[in-house]
């Protein structure tokens, strides 16, 4: 008889293990001035780090500082929501740690 074993992972805890070196002067993701809610909502759902958010009043927020550099947003919305997406400069960005 097999035992049903379930694991749960707290994503915020796992992401907290990683180290981020943020280049405050040169963001590697720049958003366009105007874009539709529909396009932005794609990023709210798809971003694994949860960097794209909508507040209760409908306002949109974004913070590139916790970026995992996966490129999901670039694939989905480059040219609509995203004005530019580049990897951070050398020694900057995410440093993955396993634990």
Foldseek 3Di string as FASTA:
>chain_A
DDDDDDDDDDLVVQLVQKDFADDVVDQQWDWDPDADPVLLVVCCVPQSQNQWDADPVGDIGGDCRSHPPPCPNVVRADVGTTVGHDDDPPPGGIDHDDD
